């Protein structure tokens, strides 16, 4: 519980870090965000980002985060180590590791920066879709525990449904933390991995999969995220290529008002 007796949100519990030394923290995986094997990758990445955001030498706000999943993360305790490898006048480059049993199971690079006002333009277009209130939350029955932490309202491309003839791997879905939580960089980074693997959208067949590397680019400031509050955001995800044991997937995350919040790209291993 917090000081004002408000329950701690499950995501904040999952990414919580206890300081051990400068740039070093202790944490533990959360049963609430369990995946088919190990924890939900979105919370692993968000935990690594939290290490950067918790560091006393932090400069600015997140611009990018690349997470590499080096080995399966086991349920239980882990250690996070973060250090700035280069600090410039307005930007900072980071190295972050998650260790279990003294071995690296995931690591990340991140860039933070002081944002400033400049010319701006968004070439991607906010799609014409029905509002979240017109759609129903998708069933979580038979799906990993982590999905219960998100309200998912699909426009199209729902898991294990027939693919759309024009966009076979595309999903358009309104997403929201459940219970509702105000959006920030930690929750946005986790949400950017909340898209089901594109191979399961392309064809209704379960095969073993695992994300190898996940990169997220943040296009807004913390102040802009705070202005969205706990409103649902629109995700648009698709893939470009499947083959030889790997596929890619990319996604855009939009505010309800049509502001591009983040873009994300990952490469995923599959076995069959």
Foldseek 3Di string as FASTA:
>chain_A
DDPVPDDDAQLCLQLDWDDDDQQKTKHFHDLLQQAPFAGQVLSVQLNQVVSQVPHPPHAAAWFKKKKFQQAGDHGTMWMKGKDWPDDDPFKTKMKMFIDDPRDTRMIMITMGGHDDDDDDDDPDFDDDFDDQVVFAFDDCPPGRSNCVQKRKGWRDLDFLDQADPVAQQKTKIWIFGVVFFQDFPSVVSSVQSVDPPSVRSNHVDDFDKFWGMKMKGFDDHRVVSRVLTRGIWIKMKGWDDDDPFKTKMKMWIARPVTHTGMIMITMMGTDD
